[in-house]
């Protein structure tokens, strides 16, 4: 399959790339820099340009999305909007605009905070929950399959995030990457694959 991997340069993106490459897929990487195709998923025009450059593809795997991590009493309106743009509307646009040229499936990223919130993670919980709700709703309308992968903290990221995720059992990034493989090569739609 010819698969577009959005957010290919991050920890998860690199793990997905490795798993898909091992399965013999043709992978086109897409991110702000250091990829085959440049894209800023917070900019709908950039997403449109990416799809125009790519033409038809079999699948889109998104490992991209950013949210602010701030205590609720320090969040302002712009922080909330930035989180929604950074993780929700950006991925919704990948699906909405890709519906004309993606033949098989979309796999989006949510995360453990949709079901198990943390202090300073209110916007992350909001965004992850929104992605999961979107996937379930979009699945009943799209001819393509659409799923989300919802991992906990990665073993490889514990140095950076371990204190925040105290008591959470980390998982290797490869475990989440395998959930992407399941979504791309499988047959289900409207699913949220929880990892950890």
Protein backbone atom coordinates (compact mmCIF):
# COMPACT_ATOMS: atom_id res chain seq x y z
CA UNK A 1 0.00 0.00 0.00
CA UNK A 2 1.02 3.62 -0.50
CA UNK A 3 0.64 5.25 2.90
CA UNK A 4 1.03 8.89 3.94
CA UNK A 5 2.56 9.13 7.40
CA UNK A 6 1.84 12.55 8.92
CA UNK A 7 4.04 13.49 11.85
CA UNK A 8 6.72 11.09 10.68
CA UNK A 9 9.62 12.70 12.54
CA UNK A 10 8.36 12.25 16.12
CA UNK A 11 8.83 9.27 18.43
CA UNK A 12 5.56 7.64 17.40
CA UNK A 13 5.98 8.57 13.74
CA UNK A 14 9.38 6.89 13.58
CA UNK A 15 7.94 3.77 15.21
CA UNK A 16 5.04 3.62 12.75
CA UNK A 17 7.44 4.11 9.85
CA UNK A 18 9.53 1.14 10.97
CA UNK A 19 6.54 -1.19 11.40
CA UNK A 20 5.01 -0.23 8.03
CA UNK A 21 8.36 -0.53 6.23
CA UNK A 22 8.84 -4.04 7.67
CA UNK A 23 5.48 -4.98 6.14
CA UNK A 24 6.63 -3.76 2.71
CA UNK A 25 4.44 -0.68 2.42
CA UNK A 26 5.45 2.38 0.41
CA UNK A 27 5.58 5.21 2.93
CA UNK A 28 5.44 8.88 2.05
CA UNK A 29 6.43 10.98 5.05
CA UNK A 30 4.77 14.33 5.73
CA UNK A 31 5.58 16.89 8.40
CA UNK A 32 6.65 20.50 8.80
CA UNK A 33 10.28 19.67 8.02
CA UNK A 34 12.54 16.74 7.26
CA UNK A 35 9.96 14.72 5.29
CA UNK A 36 9.12 13.78 1.71
CA UNK A 37 6.22 16.24 1.60
CA UNK A 38 5.97 19.40 3.70
CA UNK A 39 2.72 19.95 5.58
CA UNK A 40 1.49 22.07 8.45
CA UNK A 41 -1.68 20.30 9.51
CA UNK A 42 -2.91 23.38 11.38
CA UNK A 43 -3.22 25.11 7.98
CA UNK A 44 -6.01 23.78 5.74
CA UNK A 45 -4.28 25.25 2.66
CA UNK A 46 -1.14 23.26 3.49
CA UNK A 47 -3.16 20.06 3.80
CA UNK A 48 -4.80 20.78 0.43
CA UNK A 49 -1.38 21.32 -1.17
CA UNK A 50 -0.14 18.04 0.30
CA UNK A 51 -3.04 16.06 -1.14
CA UNK A 52 -2.67 17.78 -4.53
CA UNK A 53 1.00 16.84 -4.61
CA UNK A 54 0.35 13.22 -3.56
CA UNK A 55 -2.62 12.27 -5.70
CA UNK A 56 -4.32 8.99 -4.77
CA UNK A 57 -3.04 7.06 -1.75
CA UNK A 58 -4.24 3.97 0.06
CA UNK A 59 -4.08 5.24 3.64
CA UNK A 60 -3.27 8.18 5.88
CA UNK A 61 -1.69 7.60 9.29
CA UNK A 62 -1.57 10.66 11.56
CA UNK A 63 0.87 10.76 14.46
CA UNK A 64 0.72 14.55 14.74
CA UNK A 65 -1.02 16.90 17.10
CA UNK A 66 -0.07 19.33 19.82
CA UNK A 67 -1.87 20.71 22.85
CA UNK A 68 -0.88 23.08 25.66
CA UNK A 69 -0.20 21.53 29.08
CA UNK A 70 -1.31 24.10 31.65
CA UNK A 71 -3.27 24.07 34.90
CA UNK A 72 -6.92 24.87 34.35
CA UNK A 73 -6.68 28.16 36.22
CA UNK A 74 -3.91 29.30 33.84
CA UNK A 75 -5.62 28.29 30.59
CA UNK A 76 -6.96 31.13 28.52
CA UNK A 77 -9.31 31.07 25.56
CA UNK A 78 -6.44 31.07 23.05
CA UNK A 79 -4.81 28.06 24.75
CA UNK A 80 -8.03 26.09 24.32
CA UNK A 81 -8.33 27.15 20.68
CA UNK A 82 -4.67 26.25 20.07
CA UNK A 83 -5.25 22.76 21.46
CA UNK A 84 -8.34 22.24 19.36
CA UNK A 85 -6.53 23.46 16.25
CA UNK A 86 -3.34 21.58 17.04
CA UNK A 87 -4.92 18.17 17.51
CA UNK A 88 -8.60 18.15 16.57
CA UNK A 89 -9.44 20.35 13.58
CA UNK A 90 -6.05 19.54 12.05
CA UNK A 91 -6.82 15.81 11.98
CA UNK A 92 -10.45 16.37 11.00
CA UNK A 93 -9.12 18.34 8.00
CA UNK A 94 -6.84 15.42 7.06
CA UNK A 95 -9.94 13.25 6.81
CA UNK A 96 -12.29 15.82 5.31
CA UNK A 97 -9.91 16.90 2.57
CA UNK A 98 -8.52 13.42 2.01
CA UNK A 99 -11.91 11.82 1.44
CA UNK A 100 -11.62 12.48 -2.31
CA UNK A 101 -8.20 10.85 -2.82
CA UNK A 102 -7.63 8.32 -0.02
CA UNK A 103 -8.84 4.89 -1.09
CA UNK A 104 -8.61 2.80 2.07
CA UNK A 105 -8.32 4.26 5.56
CA UNK A 106 -7.46 7.05 7.95
CA UNK A 107 -5.82 6.38 11.32
CA UNK A 108 -5.75 9.30 13.77
CA UNK A 109 -4.03 9.81 17.12
CA UNK A 110 -5.86 10.46 20.39
CA UNK A 111 -4.46 9.38 23.76
CA UNK A 112 -4.96 7.99 27.23
CA UNK A 113 -6.15 11.31 28.67
CA UNK A 114 -9.49 10.87 26.91
CA UNK A 115 -10.26 8.19 29.50
CA UNK A 116 -7.79 8.87 32.32
CA UNK A 117 -7.19 12.63 32.81
CA UNK A 118 -4.25 14.27 34.57
CA UNK A 119 -3.65 17.66 36.16
CA UNK A 120 -2.54 20.21 33.52
CA UNK A 121 -4.01 17.96 30.80
CA UNK A 122 -7.53 19.39 30.45
CA UNK A 123 -7.00 20.50 26.86
CA UNK A 124 -5.35 17.18 25.98
CA UNK A 125 -8.35 15.33 27.44
CA UNK A 126 -10.71 17.57 25.48
CA UNK A 127 -8.83 17.05 22.22
CA UNK A 128 -8.41 13.30 22.62
CA UNK A 129 -12.07 12.83 23.46
CA UNK A 130 -13.09 14.93 20.47
CA UNK A 131 -10.95 12.85 18.10
CA UNK A 132 -12.46 9.63 19.42
CA UNK A 133 -16.01 10.97 19.05
CA UNK A 134 -15.21 12.20 15.54
CA UNK A 135 -13.89 8.78 14.48
CA UNK A 136 -17.05 7.05 15.65
CA UNK A 137 -19.27 9.56 13.85
CA UNK A 138 -17.22 9.78 10.64
CA UNK A 139 -17.21 5.99 10.32
CA UNK A 140 -20.93 5.94 9.62
CA UNK A 141 -20.58 8.44 6.76
CA UNK A 142 -17.28 7.74 5.04
CA UNK A 143 -16.74 5.05 2.43
CA UNK A 144 -13.18 4.78 3.78
CA UNK A 145 -12.40 3.23 7.14
CA UNK A 146 -11.43 5.60 9.98
CA UNK A 147 -9.99 4.65 13.37
CA UNK A 148 -7.97 6.20 16.19
CA UNK A 149 -5.05 4.91 18.22
CA UNK A 150 -5.17 5.94 21.89
CA UNK A 151 -1.86 5.15 23.62
CA UNK A 152 -0.64 5.79 27.12
CA UNK A 153 2.82 7.25 27.73
CA UNK A 154 5.66 5.57 25.82
CA UNK A 155 8.56 3.85 27.51
CA UNK A 156 10.83 5.88 25.23
CA UNK A 157 9.30 9.13 26.54
CA UNK A 158 9.49 8.45 30.28
CA UNK A 159 12.55 10.68 30.76
CA UNK A 160 10.54 13.65 29.48
CA UNK A 161 7.05 12.81 30.79
CA UNK A 162 7.50 10.23 33.54
CA UNK A 163 6.75 12.58 36.44
CA UNK A 164 3.53 13.73 34.84
CA UNK A 165 2.41 10.12 34.24
CA UNK A 166 3.26 8.82 37.73
CA UNK A 167 1.70 5.39 38.25
CA UNK A 168 0.89 4.87 34.56
CA UNK A 169 2.32 1.72 33.01
CA UNK A 170 4.33 2.87 29.97
CA UNK A 171 4.27 0.92 26.72
CA UNK A 172 6.91 0.59 24.02
CA UNK A 173 6.21 2.83 21.04
CA UNK A 174 6.21 -0.28 18.84
CA UNK A 175 3.04 -1.44 20.58
CA UNK A 176 1.24 1.71 19.46
CA UNK A 177 2.77 1.41 16.00
CA UNK A 178 1.30 -2.08 15.75
CA UNK A 179 -2.14 -0.61 16.49
CA UNK A 180 -1.67 1.61 13.42
CA UNK A 181 -0.81 -1.50 11.42
CA UNK A 182 -3.98 -3.16 12.71
CA UNK A 183 -6.02 -0.14 11.64
CA UNK A 184 -4.41 0.14 8.19
CA UNK A 185 -4.34 -3.52 7.22
CA UNK A 186 -7.47 -4.56 9.13
CA UNK A 187 -11.14 -4.27 8.30
CA UNK A 188 -12.68 -2.41 11.23
CA UNK A 189 -13.91 1.16 11.20
CA UNK A 190 -15.04 3.57 13.90
CA UNK A 191 -12.69 1.94 16.40
CA UNK A 192 -10.50 3.44 19.10
CA UNK A 193 -7.55 1.12 19.66
CA UNK A 194 -6.46 1.63 23.26
CA UNK A 195 -2.78 0.88 23.85
CA UNK A 196 -1.83 0.46 27.50
